[in-house]
């Protein structure tokens, strides 16, 4: 699954929970699915943040080398 697909699914869940009168068991199931999607998205953002940090470190290192 990609981040974008997870966000879309999460949006669909939010829409269903807020616009439909659902049985409690179905609402609970959707809520649990939404929580798993949130965890997935959070992890994806955390990994991406780490990658960006590493790229920035490399760029800063190159800039320092150019100044020498």
PDB file of N, CA and C in Angstrom:
ATOM      1  N   UNK A   1       0.844  -1.178   0.000  1.00  0.00           N
ATOM      2  CA  UNK A   1       0.000   0.000   0.000  1.00  0.00           C
ATOM      3  C   UNK A   1       0.889   1.241   0.000  1.00  0.00           C
ATOM      4  N   UNK A   2       0.444   2.271  -0.658  1.00  0.00           N
ATOM      5  CA  UNK A   2       1.181   3.528  -0.655  1.00  0.00           C
ATOM      6  C   UNK A   2       0.529   4.511   0.315  1.00  0.00           C
ATOM      7  N   UNK A   3       1.273   5.542   0.635  1.00  0.00           N
ATOM      8  CA  UNK A   3       0.762   6.596   1.514  1.00  0.00           C
ATOM      9  C   UNK A   3      -0.505   7.209   0.913  1.00  0.00           C
ATOM     10  N   UNK A   4      -0.468   7.465  -0.383  1.00  0.00           N
ATOM     11  CA  UNK A   4      -1.600   8.106  -1.046  1.00  0.00           C
ATOM     12  C   UNK A   4      -2.868   7.244  -0.987  1.00  0.00           C
ATOM     13  N   UNK A   5      -2.706   5.938  -1.180  1.00  0.00           N
ATOM     14  CA  UNK A   5      -3.861   5.041  -1.105  1.00  0.00           C
ATOM     15  C   UNK A   5      -4.398   4.994   0.324  1.00  0.00           C
ATOM     16  N   UNK A   6      -3.498   4.950   1.288  1.00  0.00           N
ATOM     17  CA  UNK A   6      -3.914   4.927   2.696  1.00  0.00           C
ATOM     18  C   UNK A   6      -4.695   6.186   3.050  1.00  0.00           C
ATOM     19  N   UNK A   7      -4.224   7.336   2.590  1.00  0.00           N
ATOM     20  CA  UNK A   7      -4.924   8.600   2.856  1.00  0.00           C
ATOM     21  C   UNK A   7      -6.312   8.589   2.217  1.00  0.00           C
ATOM     22  N   UNK A   8      -6.404   8.063   1.001  1.00  0.00           N
ATOM     23  CA  UNK A   8      -7.703   7.983   0.326  1.00  0.00           C
ATOM     24  C   UNK A   8      -8.660   7.088   1.106  1.00  0.00           C
ATOM     25  N   UNK A   9      -8.166   5.922   1.530  1.00  0.00           N
ATOM     26  CA  UNK A   9      -9.000   5.004   2.302  1.00  0.00           C
ATOM     27  C   UNK A   9      -9.429   5.640   3.621  1.00  0.00           C
ATOM     28  N   UNK A  10      -8.518   6.349   4.249  1.00  0.00           N
ATOM     29  CA  UNK A  10      -8.832   7.029   5.500  1.00  0.00           C
ATOM     30  C   UNK A  10      -9.923   8.077   5.280  1.00  0.00           C
ATOM     31  N   UNK A  11      -9.821   8.812   4.191  1.00  0.00           N
ATOM     32  CA  UNK A  11     -10.853   9.795   3.857  1.00  0.00           C
ATOM     33  C   UNK A  11     -12.210   9.148   3.639  1.00  0.00           C
ATOM     34  N   UNK A  12     -12.205   7.994   2.978  1.00  0.00           N
ATOM     35  CA  UNK A  12     -13.458   7.261   2.752  1.00  0.00           C
ATOM     36  C   UNK A  12     -14.075   6.817   4.078  1.00  0.00           C
ATOM     37  N   UNK A  13     -13.227   6.353   4.986  1.00  0.00           N
ATOM     38  CA  UNK A  13     -13.708   5.911   6.295  1.00  0.00           C
ATOM     39  C   UNK A  13     -14.303   7.074   7.071  1.00  0.00           C
ATOM     40  N   UNK A  14     -13.617   8.191   7.069  1.00  0.00           N
ATOM     41  CA  UNK A  14     -14.108   9.374   7.783  1.00  0.00           C
ATOM     42  C   UNK A  14     -15.468   9.792   7.217  1.00  0.00           C
ATOM     43  N   UNK A  15     -15.569   9.768   5.897  1.00  0.00           N
ATOM     44  CA  UNK A  15     -16.834  10.146   5.254  1.00  0.00           C
ATOM     45  C   UNK A  15     -17.957   9.192   5.670  1.00  0.00           C
ATOM     46  N   UNK A  16     -17.676   7.890   5.660  1.00  0.00           N
ATOM     47  CA  UNK A  16     -18.696   6.910   6.057  1.00  0.00           C
ATOM     48  C   UNK A  16     -19.109   7.098   7.514  1.00  0.00           C
ATOM     49  N   UNK A  17     -18.137   7.299   8.376  1.00  0.00           N
ATOM     50  CA  UNK A  17     -18.444   7.445   9.796  1.00  0.00           C
ATOM     51  C   UNK A  17     -19.218   8.717  10.099  1.00  0.00           C
ATOM     52  N   UNK A  18     -18.967   9.764   9.335  1.00  0.00           N
ATOM     53  CA  UNK A  18     -19.617  11.038   9.635  1.00  0.00           C
ATOM     54  C   UNK A  18     -20.931  11.246   8.893  1.00  0.00           C
ATOM     55  N   UNK A  19     -21.167  10.509   7.816  1.00  0.00           N
ATOM     56  CA  UNK A  19     -22.364  10.788   7.029  1.00  0.00           C
ATOM     57  C   UNK A  19     -23.396   9.671   7.044  1.00  0.00           C
ATOM     58  N   UNK A  20     -23.075   8.541   7.636  1.00  0.00           N
ATOM     59  CA  UNK A  20     -24.009   7.423   7.623  1.00  0.00           C
ATOM     60  C   UNK A  20     -24.331   6.977   9.048  1.00  0.00           C
ATOM     61  N   UNK A  21     -25.533   6.474   9.171  1.00  0.00           N
ATOM     62  CA  UNK A  21     -25.920   5.863  10.441  1.00  0.00           C
ATOM     63  C   UNK A  21     -25.573   4.387  10.342  1.00  0.00           C
ATOM     64  N   UNK A  22     -24.473   4.012  10.979  1.00  0.00           N
ATOM     65  CA  UNK A  22     -23.971   2.653  10.872  1.00  0.00           C
ATOM     66  C   UNK A  22     -24.239   1.877  12.151  1.00  0.00           C
ATOM     67  N   UNK A  23     -24.401   0.557  12.014  1.00  0.00           N
ATOM     68  CA  UNK A  23     -24.469  -0.265  13.227  1.00  0.00           C
ATOM     69  C   UNK A  23     -23.155  -0.114  14.009  1.00  0.00           C
ATOM     70  N   UNK A  24     -23.240  -0.228  15.303  1.00  0.00           N
ATOM     71  CA  UNK A  24     -22.075  -0.032  16.157  1.00  0.00           C
ATOM     72  C   UNK A  24     -20.911  -0.933  15.757  1.00  0.00           C
ATOM     73  N   UNK A  25     -21.191  -2.173  15.442  1.00  0.00           N
ATOM     74  CA  UNK A  25     -20.118  -3.106  15.081  1.00  0.00           C
ATOM     75  C   UNK A  25     -19.398  -2.661  13.807  1.00  0.00           C
ATOM     76  N   UNK A  26     -20.140  -2.157  12.834  1.00  0.00           N
ATOM     77  CA  UNK A  26     -19.529  -1.687  11.590  1.00  0.00           C
ATOM     78  C   UNK A  26     -18.738  -0.401  11.838  1.00  0.00           C
ATOM     79  N   UNK A  27     -19.285   0.494  12.637  1.00  0.00           N
ATOM     80  CA  UNK A  27     -18.581   1.734  12.958  1.00  0.00           C
ATOM     81  C   UNK A  27     -17.287   1.433  13.706  1.00  0.00           C
ATOM     82  N   UNK A  28     -17.347   0.489  14.624  1.00  0.00           N
ATOM     83  CA  UNK A  28     -16.153   0.101  15.379  1.00  0.00           C
ATOM     84  C   UNK A  28     -15.102  -0.494  14.455  1.00  0.00           C
ATOM     85  N   UNK A  29     -15.536  -1.329  13.548  1.00  0.00           N
ATOM     86  CA  UNK A  29     -14.622  -1.946  12.591  1.00  0.00           C
ATOM     87  C   UNK A  29     -13.958  -0.891  11.703  1.00  0.00           C
ATOM     88  N   UNK A  30     -14.753   0.049  11.234  1.00  0.00           N
ATOM     89  CA  UNK A  30     -14.200   1.133  10.408  1.00  0.00           C
ATOM     90  C   UNK A  30     -13.224   1.990  11.212  1.00  0.00           C
ATOM     91  N   UNK A  31     -13.563   2.252  12.458  1.00  0.00           N
ATOM     92  CA  UNK A  31     -12.683   3.043  13.316  1.00  0.00           C
ATOM     93  C   UNK A  31     -11.347   2.328  13.502  1.00  0.00           C
ATOM     94  N   UNK A  32     -11.396   1.017  13.760  1.00  0.00           N
ATOM     95  CA  UNK A  32     -10.162   0.245  13.920  1.00  0.00           C
ATOM     96  C   UNK A  32      -9.328   0.257  12.642  1.00  0.00           C
ATOM     97  N   UNK A  33      -9.985   0.107  11.503  1.00  0.00           N
ATOM     98  CA  UNK A  33      -9.277   0.162  10.217  1.00  0.00           C
ATOM     99  C   UNK A  33      -8.633   1.534  10.032  1.00  0.00           C
ATOM    100  N   UNK A  34      -9.360   2.565  10.396  1.00  0.00           N
ATOM    101  CA  UNK A  34      -8.823   3.928  10.300  1.00  0.00           C
ATOM    102  C   UNK A  34      -7.596   4.115  11.174  1.00  0.00           C
ATOM    103  N   UNK A  35      -7.626   3.565  12.366  1.00  0.00           N
ATOM    104  CA  UNK A  35      -6.472   3.681  13.262  1.00  0.00           C
ATOM    105  C   UNK A  35      -5.246   2.985  12.669  1.00  0.00           C
ATOM    106  N   UNK A  36      -5.449   1.833  12.050  1.00  0.00           N
ATOM    107  CA  UNK A  36      -4.332   1.129  11.410  1.00  0.00           C
ATOM    108  C   UNK A  36      -3.782   1.949  10.242  1.00  0.00           C
ATOM    109  N   UNK A  37      -4.661   2.583   9.497  1.00  0.00           N
ATOM    110  CA  UNK A  37      -4.219   3.436   8.389  1.00  0.00           C
ATOM    111  C   UNK A  37      -3.439   4.641   8.903  1.00  0.00           C
ATOM    112  N   UNK A  38      -3.890   5.212  10.010  1.00  0.00           N
ATOM    113  CA  UNK A  38      -3.181   6.343  10.612  1.00  0.00           C
ATOM    114  C   UNK A  38      -1.786   5.916  11.045  1.00  0.00           C
ATOM    115  N   UNK A  39      -1.673   4.752  11.660  1.00  0.00           N
ATOM    116  CA  UNK A  39      -0.362   4.238  12.069  1.00  0.00           C
ATOM    117  C   UNK A  39       0.544   4.056  10.859  1.00  0.00           C
ATOM    118  N   UNK A  40      -0.017   3.484   9.793  1.00  0.00           N
ATOM    119  CA  UNK A  40       0.755   3.276   8.565  1.00  0.00           C
ATOM    120  C   UNK A  40       1.250   4.608   8.011  1.00  0.00           C
ATOM    121  N   UNK A  41       0.347   5.583   7.915  1.00  0.00           N
ATOM    122  CA  UNK A  41       0.716   6.902   7.375  1.00  0.00           C
ATOM    123  C   UNK A  41       1.775   7.573   8.240  1.00  0.00           C
ATOM    124  N   UNK A  42       1.614   7.491   9.543  1.00  0.00           N
ATOM    125  CA  UNK A  42       2.589   8.084  10.455  1.00  0.00           C
ATOM    126  C   UNK A  42       3.962   7.459  10.236  1.00  0.00           C
ATOM    127  N   UNK A  43       4.001   6.143  10.107  1.00  0.00           N
ATOM    128  CA  UNK A  43       5.275   5.467   9.885  1.00  0.00           C
ATOM    129  C   UNK A  43       5.889   5.877   8.544  1.00  0.00           C
ATOM    130  N   UNK A  44       5.077   5.964   7.512  1.00  0.00           N
ATOM    131  CA  UNK A  44       5.573   6.389   6.202  1.00  0.00           C
ATOM    132  C   UNK A  44       6.168   7.797   6.272  1.00  0.00           C
ATOM    133  N   UNK A  45       5.494   8.692   6.976  1.00  0.00           N
ATOM    134  CA  UNK A  45       6.008  10.056   7.126  1.00  0.00           C
ATOM    135  C   UNK A  45       7.309  10.072   7.925  1.00  0.00           C
ATOM    136  N   UNK A  46       7.387   9.235   8.947  1.00  0.00           N
ATOM    137  CA  UNK A  46       8.591   9.150   9.764  1.00  0.00           C
ATOM    138  C   UNK A  46       9.780   8.661   8.928  1.00  0.00           C
ATOM    139  N   UNK A  47       9.558   7.632   8.118  1.00  0.00           N
ATOM    140  CA  UNK A  47      10.614   7.107   7.250  1.00  0.00           C
ATOM    141  C   UNK A  47      11.042   8.166   6.233  1.00  0.00           C
ATOM    142  N   UNK A  48      10.070   8.837   5.643  1.00  0.00           N
ATOM    143  CA  UNK A  48      10.373   9.863   4.652  1.00  0.00           C
ATOM    144  C   UNK A  48      11.134  11.019   5.280  1.00  0.00           C
ATOM    145  N   UNK A  49      10.756  11.406   6.481  1.00  0.00           N
ATOM    146  CA  UNK A  49      11.458  12.476   7.190  1.00  0.00           C
ATOM    147  C   UNK A  49      12.922  12.084   7.401  1.00  0.00           C
ATOM    148  N   UNK A  50      13.157  10.834   7.769  1.00  0.00           N
ATOM    149  CA  UNK A  50      14.528  10.362   7.953  1.00  0.00           C
ATOM    150  C   UNK A  50      15.327  10.421   6.669  1.00  0.00           C
ATOM    151  N   UNK A  51      14.697  10.027   5.557  1.00  0.00           N
ATOM    152  CA  UNK A  51      15.377  10.083   4.262  1.00  0.00           C
ATOM    153  C   UNK A  51      15.721  11.520   3.893  1.00  0.00           C
ATOM    154  N   UNK A  52      14.789  12.422   4.114  1.00  0.00           N
ATOM    155  CA  UNK A  52      15.021  13.839   3.796  1.00  0.00           C
ATOM    156  C   UNK A  52      16.148  14.388   4.662  1.00  0.00           C
ATOM    157  N   UNK A  53      16.169  14.011   5.933  1.00  0.00           N
ATOM    158  CA  UNK A  53      17.231  14.449   6.842  1.00  0.00           C
ATOM    159  C   UNK A  53      18.587  13.987   6.335  1.00  0.00           C
ATOM    160  N   UNK A  54      18.682  12.731   5.889  1.00  0.00           N
ATOM    161  CA  UNK A  54      19.947  12.201   5.375  1.00  0.00           C
ATOM    162  C   UNK A  54      20.374  12.924   4.103  1.00  0.00           C
ATOM    163  N   UNK A  55      19.438  13.188   3.214  1.00  0.00           N
ATOM    164  CA  UNK A  55      19.753  13.921   1.980  1.00  0.00           C
ATOM    165  C   UNK A  55      20.250  15.315   2.316  1.00  0.00           C
ATOM    166  N   UNK A  56      19.578  15.977   3.262  1.00  0.00           N
ATOM    167  CA  UNK A  56      19.987  17.327   3.666  1.00  0.00           C
ATOM    168  C   UNK A  56      21.392  17.312   4.256  1.00  0.00           C
ATOM    169  N   UNK A  57      21.709  16.292   5.058  1.00  0.00           N
ATOM    170  CA  UNK A  57      23.054  16.180   5.625  1.00  0.00           C
ATOM    171  C   UNK A  57      24.093  16.063   4.520  1.00  0.00           C
ATOM    172  N   UNK A  58      23.809  15.273   3.501  1.00  0.00           N
ATOM    173  CA  UNK A  58      24.732  15.107   2.378  1.00  0.00           C
ATOM    174  C   UNK A  58      24.911  16.426   1.620  1.00  0.00           C
ATOM    175  N   UNK A  59      23.814  17.139   1.416  1.00  0.00           N
ATOM    176  CA  UNK A  59      23.899  18.431   0.725  1.00  0.00           C
ATOM    177  C   UNK A  59      24.711  19.432   1.535  1.00  0.00           C
ATOM    178  N   UNK A  60      24.481  19.464   2.848  1.00  0.00           N
ATOM    179  CA  UNK A  60      25.247  20.370   3.711  1.00  0.00           C
ATOM    180  C   UNK A  60      26.731  20.018   3.670  1.00  0.00           C
ATOM    181  N   UNK A  61      27.028  18.737   3.631  1.00  0.00           N
ATOM    182  CA  UNK A  61      28.419  18.280   3.570  1.00  0.00           C
ATOM    183  C   UNK A  61      29.063  18.739   2.264  1.00  0.00           C
ATOM    184  N   UNK A  62      28.336  18.621   1.169  1.00  0.00           N
ATOM    185  CA  UNK A  62      28.850  19.068  -0.129  1.00  0.00           C
ATOM    186  C   UNK A  62      29.092  20.575  -0.146  1.00  0.00           C
ATOM    187  N   UNK A  63      28.189  21.315   0.455  1.00  0.00           N
ATOM    188  CA  UNK A  63      28.345  22.767   0.516  1.00  0.00           C
ATOM    189  C   UNK A  63      29.600  23.141   1.305  1.00  0.00           C
ATOM    190  N   UNK A  64      29.844  22.447   2.413  1.00  0.00           N
ATOM    191  CA  UNK A  64      31.039  22.723   3.221  1.00  0.00           C
ATOM    192  C   UNK A  64      32.292  22.398   2.435  1.00  0.00           C
ATOM    193  N   UNK A  65      32.287  21.310   1.683  1.00  0.00           N
ATOM    194  CA  UNK A  65      33.441  20.941   0.883  1.00  0.00           C
ATOM    195  C   UNK A  65      33.714  21.989  -0.206  1.00  0.00           C
ATOM    196  N   UNK A  66      32.657  22.550  -0.782  1.00  0.00           N
ATOM    197  CA  UNK A  66      32.818  23.566  -1.823  1.00  0.00           C
ATOM    198  C   UNK A  66      33.435  24.842  -1.251  1.00  0.00           C
ATOM    199  N   UNK A  67      33.147  25.142   0.018  1.00  0.00           N
ATOM    200  CA  UNK A  67      33.643  26.372   0.625  1.00  0.00           C
ATOM    201  C   UNK A  67      35.126  26.266   0.998  1.00  0.00           C
ATOM    202  N   UNK A  68      35.648  25.066   1.092  1.00  0.00           N
ATOM    203  CA  UNK A  68      37.042  24.883   1.508  1.00  0.00           C
ATOM    204  C   UNK A  68      38.003  25.163   0.389  1.00  0.00           C
TER     205      UNK A  68
END
